[in-house]
């Protein structure tokens, strides 16, 4: 099982699906934590599921560390994800 950090509220069916194949940690609240991001994922997590409210940029990627392999975005579009920074971090 790989580790996935979820930093915002997603539908329960999606969370259950993730939990069936991954160790899921992170967000567990009734309120959106807009300050969360890869850097706040508890360290050492290779997969990060973010929401549109989070900015994924070079600073966030650097803070998350070299173990970060995947940033998934639950949104329509990816305006919050700096694709140049992601490509440079790869």
N, C-alpha and C. Protein backbone atom coordinates (compact mmCIF):
# COMPACT_ATOMS: atom_id res chain seq x y z
N UNK A 1 0.84 -1.20 0.00
CA UNK A 1 0.00 0.00 0.00
C UNK A 1 0.87 1.24 0.00
N UNK A 2 0.54 2.16 -0.83
CA UNK A 2 1.26 3.43 -0.85
C UNK A 2 0.48 4.45 -0.02
N UNK A 3 1.16 5.48 0.39
CA UNK A 3 0.57 6.51 1.24
C UNK A 3 0.08 7.67 0.39
N UNK A 4 -1.14 8.13 0.70
CA UNK A 4 -1.75 9.26 0.01
C UNK A 4 -2.23 10.24 1.08
N UNK A 5 -1.94 11.52 0.89
CA UNK A 5 -2.45 12.55 1.77
C UNK A 5 -3.56 13.30 1.03
N UNK A 6 -4.70 13.41 1.68
CA UNK A 6 -5.84 14.15 1.14
C UNK A 6 -5.98 15.41 1.99
N UNK A 7 -5.95 16.58 1.36
CA UNK A 7 -5.92 17.81 2.14
C UNK A 7 -7.22 18.60 2.10
N UNK A 8 -8.26 18.00 1.60
CA UNK A 8 -9.55 18.68 1.59
C UNK A 8 -10.68 17.68 1.54
N UNK A 9 -11.88 18.18 1.71
CA UNK A 9 -13.05 17.31 1.73
C UNK A 9 -13.36 16.81 0.32
N UNK A 10 -13.41 15.48 0.19
CA UNK A 10 -13.79 14.86 -1.08
C UNK A 10 -14.96 13.94 -0.78
N UNK A 11 -15.73 13.55 -1.80
CA UNK A 11 -16.87 12.66 -1.57
C UNK A 11 -16.44 11.37 -0.87
N UNK A 12 -17.28 10.89 0.02
CA UNK A 12 -16.97 9.69 0.80
C UNK A 12 -16.67 8.50 -0.10
N UNK A 13 -17.39 8.37 -1.21
CA UNK A 13 -17.15 7.25 -2.12
C UNK A 13 -15.72 7.30 -2.68
N UNK A 14 -15.22 8.49 -2.95
CA UNK A 14 -13.84 8.64 -3.45
C UNK A 14 -12.84 8.31 -2.35
N UNK A 15 -13.12 8.75 -1.15
CA UNK A 15 -12.25 8.46 -0.02
C UNK A 15 -12.22 6.95 0.26
N UNK A 16 -13.38 6.32 0.21
CA UNK A 16 -13.44 4.87 0.42
C UNK A 16 -12.66 4.12 -0.66
N UNK A 17 -12.77 4.59 -1.89
CA UNK A 17 -12.03 3.97 -3.00
C UNK A 17 -10.53 4.08 -2.79
N UNK A 18 -10.07 5.26 -2.39
CA UNK A 18 -8.64 5.44 -2.09
C UNK A 18 -8.20 4.53 -0.97
N UNK A 19 -9.01 4.45 0.08
CA UNK A 19 -8.65 3.63 1.24
C UNK A 19 -8.62 2.13 0.93
N UNK A 20 -9.30 1.72 -0.12
CA UNK A 20 -9.30 0.30 -0.47
C UNK A 20 -7.94 -0.16 -1.01
N UNK A 21 -7.13 0.79 -1.50
CA UNK A 21 -5.84 0.42 -2.09
C UNK A 21 -4.65 1.21 -1.55
N UNK A 22 -4.91 2.20 -0.68
CA UNK A 22 -3.83 3.05 -0.19
C UNK A 22 -3.99 3.33 1.30
N UNK A 23 -2.91 3.72 1.92
CA UNK A 23 -2.95 4.24 3.28
C UNK A 23 -3.26 5.73 3.14
N UNK A 24 -4.43 6.15 3.58
CA UNK A 24 -4.87 7.53 3.40
C UNK A 24 -4.78 8.26 4.73
N UNK A 25 -4.20 9.46 4.68
CA UNK A 25 -4.12 10.29 5.87
C UNK A 25 -4.37 11.73 5.46
N UNK A 26 -4.44 12.59 6.46
CA UNK A 26 -4.60 14.00 6.19
C UNK A 26 -5.93 14.54 6.66
N UNK A 27 -6.57 15.26 5.81
CA UNK A 27 -7.76 16.01 6.13
C UNK A 27 -8.86 15.13 6.70
N UNK A 28 -9.41 15.55 7.84
CA UNK A 28 -10.52 14.85 8.47
C UNK A 28 -11.29 15.85 9.31
N UNK A 29 -12.01 16.73 8.65
CA UNK A 29 -12.67 17.82 9.33
C UNK A 29 -13.93 18.21 8.57
N UNK A 30 -14.77 19.01 9.19
CA UNK A 30 -15.96 19.50 8.50
C UNK A 30 -15.67 20.81 7.77
N UNK A 31 -14.50 21.37 7.96
CA UNK A 31 -14.13 22.63 7.32
C UNK A 31 -12.95 22.43 6.38
N UNK A 32 -12.92 23.22 5.33
CA UNK A 32 -11.81 23.18 4.38
C UNK A 32 -10.59 23.84 4.98
N UNK A 33 -9.45 23.20 4.91
CA UNK A 33 -8.20 23.76 5.40
C UNK A 33 -7.43 24.28 4.20
N UNK A 34 -7.66 25.54 3.84
CA UNK A 34 -7.06 26.08 2.63
C UNK A 34 -5.56 26.28 2.75
N UNK A 35 -5.01 26.17 3.94
CA UNK A 35 -3.56 26.34 4.12
C UNK A 35 -2.79 25.07 3.82
N UNK A 36 -3.48 23.94 3.71
CA UNK A 36 -2.79 22.67 3.49
C UNK A 36 -2.20 22.61 2.09
N UNK A 37 -1.21 21.79 1.97
CA UNK A 37 -0.56 21.57 0.69
C UNK A 37 0.47 20.48 0.86
N UNK A 38 1.25 20.19 -0.16
CA UNK A 38 2.26 19.14 -0.05
C UNK A 38 3.20 19.34 1.12
N UNK A 39 3.52 20.57 1.44
CA UNK A 39 4.44 20.83 2.55
C UNK A 39 3.83 20.47 3.90
N UNK A 40 2.50 20.47 3.97
CA UNK A 40 1.80 20.19 5.22
C UNK A 40 1.34 18.75 5.31
N UNK A 41 1.85 17.90 4.45
CA UNK A 41 1.32 16.54 4.35
C UNK A 41 1.91 15.57 5.37
N UNK A 42 2.67 16.05 6.31
CA UNK A 42 3.21 15.17 7.33
C UNK A 42 4.57 14.62 6.97
N UNK A 43 5.11 14.99 5.86
CA UNK A 43 6.45 14.58 5.45
C UNK A 43 6.52 13.14 4.98
N UNK A 44 7.34 12.90 4.02
CA UNK A 44 7.57 11.56 3.54
C UNK A 44 6.44 10.94 2.73
N UNK A 45 5.49 11.72 2.31
CA UNK A 45 4.36 11.17 1.56
C UNK A 45 4.60 11.32 0.07
N UNK A 46 4.57 10.23 -0.68
CA UNK A 46 4.84 10.30 -2.10
C UNK A 46 3.66 10.76 -2.97
N UNK A 47 2.45 10.72 -2.42
CA UNK A 47 1.26 11.08 -3.21
C UNK A 47 0.41 12.09 -2.46
N UNK A 48 -0.05 13.09 -3.19
CA UNK A 48 -0.78 14.20 -2.59
C UNK A 48 -2.01 14.50 -3.43
N UNK A 49 -3.18 14.51 -2.80
CA UNK A 49 -4.43 14.86 -3.46
C UNK A 49 -4.85 16.22 -2.97
N UNK A 50 -4.83 17.19 -3.87
CA UNK A 50 -5.13 18.57 -3.48
C UNK A 50 -6.44 19.04 -4.11
N UNK A 51 -6.92 20.15 -3.62
CA UNK A 51 -8.12 20.78 -4.14
C UNK A 51 -7.76 22.09 -4.81
N UNK A 52 -8.73 22.67 -5.49
CA UNK A 52 -8.52 23.91 -6.23
C UNK A 52 -8.06 25.06 -5.33
N UNK A 53 -8.36 24.99 -4.05
CA UNK A 53 -8.02 26.07 -3.12
C UNK A 53 -6.55 26.11 -2.74
N UNK A 54 -5.78 25.11 -3.16
CA UNK A 54 -4.37 25.04 -2.82
C UNK A 54 -3.51 25.42 -4.02
N UNK A 55 -2.50 26.21 -3.79
CA UNK A 55 -1.55 26.57 -4.84
C UNK A 55 -0.39 25.59 -4.78
N UNK A 56 -0.19 24.84 -5.84
CA UNK A 56 0.93 23.91 -5.94
C UNK A 56 1.98 24.58 -6.83
N UNK A 57 3.03 25.11 -6.19
CA UNK A 57 4.07 25.83 -6.92
C UNK A 57 5.43 25.28 -6.50
N UNK A 58 6.47 25.90 -6.99
CA UNK A 58 7.82 25.44 -6.69
C UNK A 58 8.11 25.40 -5.20
N UNK A 59 7.66 26.39 -4.48
CA UNK A 59 7.89 26.44 -3.04
C UNK A 59 7.20 25.26 -2.34
N UNK A 60 5.97 24.98 -2.72
CA UNK A 60 5.24 23.85 -2.12
C UNK A 60 5.91 22.52 -2.47
N UNK A 61 6.35 22.38 -3.71
CA UNK A 61 7.01 21.14 -4.13
C UNK A 61 8.33 20.95 -3.40
N UNK A 62 9.11 22.02 -3.26
CA UNK A 62 10.38 21.94 -2.53
C UNK A 62 10.16 21.55 -1.07
N UNK A 63 9.14 22.15 -0.46
CA UNK A 63 8.86 21.87 0.94
C UNK A 63 8.37 20.44 1.15
N UNK A 64 7.69 19.89 0.15
CA UNK A 64 7.16 18.53 0.25
C UNK A 64 8.29 17.50 0.25
N UNK A 65 9.38 17.81 -0.41
CA UNK A 65 10.52 16.91 -0.42
C UNK A 65 10.62 16.05 -1.66
N UNK A 66 11.75 15.40 -1.78
CA UNK A 66 12.05 14.59 -2.97
C UNK A 66 11.21 13.34 -3.10
N UNK A 67 10.60 12.87 -2.01
CA UNK A 67 9.79 11.65 -2.07
C UNK A 67 8.47 11.87 -2.80
N UNK A 68 8.06 13.12 -2.99
CA UNK A 68 6.79 13.42 -3.66
C UNK A 68 6.86 12.95 -5.10
N UNK A 69 5.94 12.07 -5.48
CA UNK A 69 5.89 11.50 -6.83
C UNK A 69 4.68 11.97 -7.62
N UNK A 70 3.56 12.19 -6.93
CA UNK A 70 2.30 12.49 -7.61
C UNK A 70 1.58 13.62 -6.89
N UNK A 71 1.12 14.59 -7.66
CA UNK A 71 0.20 15.60 -7.16
C UNK A 71 -1.06 15.47 -8.01
N UNK A 72 -2.16 15.05 -7.37
CA UNK A 72 -3.44 14.94 -8.07
C UNK A 72 -4.30 16.12 -7.64
N UNK A 73 -5.09 16.61 -8.56
CA UNK A 73 -5.88 17.81 -8.34
C UNK A 73 -7.35 17.48 -8.55
N UNK A 74 -8.17 17.71 -7.53
CA UNK A 74 -9.61 17.51 -7.64
C UNK A 74 -10.22 18.86 -8.03
N UNK A 75 -10.40 19.06 -9.31
CA UNK A 75 -10.92 20.33 -9.80
C UNK A 75 -11.19 20.21 -11.30
N UNK A 76 -11.85 21.22 -11.81
CA UNK A 76 -11.97 21.34 -13.25
C UNK A 76 -10.85 22.28 -13.67
N UNK A 77 -9.89 21.77 -14.40
CA UNK A 77 -8.73 22.57 -14.76
C UNK A 77 -7.61 22.39 -13.75
N UNK A 78 -6.55 23.16 -13.96
CA UNK A 78 -5.38 23.04 -13.08
C UNK A 78 -4.70 24.40 -12.92
N UNK A 79 -5.50 25.44 -12.82
CA UNK A 79 -4.94 26.78 -12.65
C UNK A 79 -4.14 26.94 -11.37
N UNK A 80 -4.41 26.09 -10.38
CA UNK A 80 -3.71 26.17 -9.11
C UNK A 80 -2.39 25.42 -9.11
N UNK A 81 -2.08 24.71 -10.19
CA UNK A 81 -0.86 23.92 -10.28
C UNK A 81 0.12 24.59 -11.25
N UNK A 82 1.30 24.90 -10.75
CA UNK A 82 2.34 25.48 -11.58
C UNK A 82 3.00 24.34 -12.36
N UNK A 83 2.60 24.17 -13.61
CA UNK A 83 3.08 23.06 -14.43
C UNK A 83 4.57 23.15 -14.73
N UNK A 84 5.10 24.35 -14.84
CA UNK A 84 6.54 24.52 -15.08
C UNK A 84 7.32 24.03 -13.86
N UNK A 85 6.84 24.39 -12.67
CA UNK A 85 7.51 23.93 -11.44
C UNK A 85 7.42 22.41 -11.33
N UNK A 86 6.28 21.84 -11.68
CA UNK A 86 6.14 20.38 -11.63
C UNK A 86 7.09 19.69 -12.61
N UNK A 87 7.20 20.23 -13.80
CA UNK A 87 8.10 19.66 -14.80
C UNK A 87 9.55 19.77 -14.33
N UNK A 88 9.90 20.88 -13.71
CA UNK A 88 11.27 21.06 -13.22
C UNK A 88 11.58 20.13 -12.06
N UNK A 89 10.58 19.80 -11.27
CA UNK A 89 10.79 18.94 -10.10
C UNK A 89 10.87 17.46 -10.49
N UNK A 90 10.41 17.14 -11.67
CA UNK A 90 10.39 15.72 -12.11
C UNK A 90 11.75 15.17 -12.33
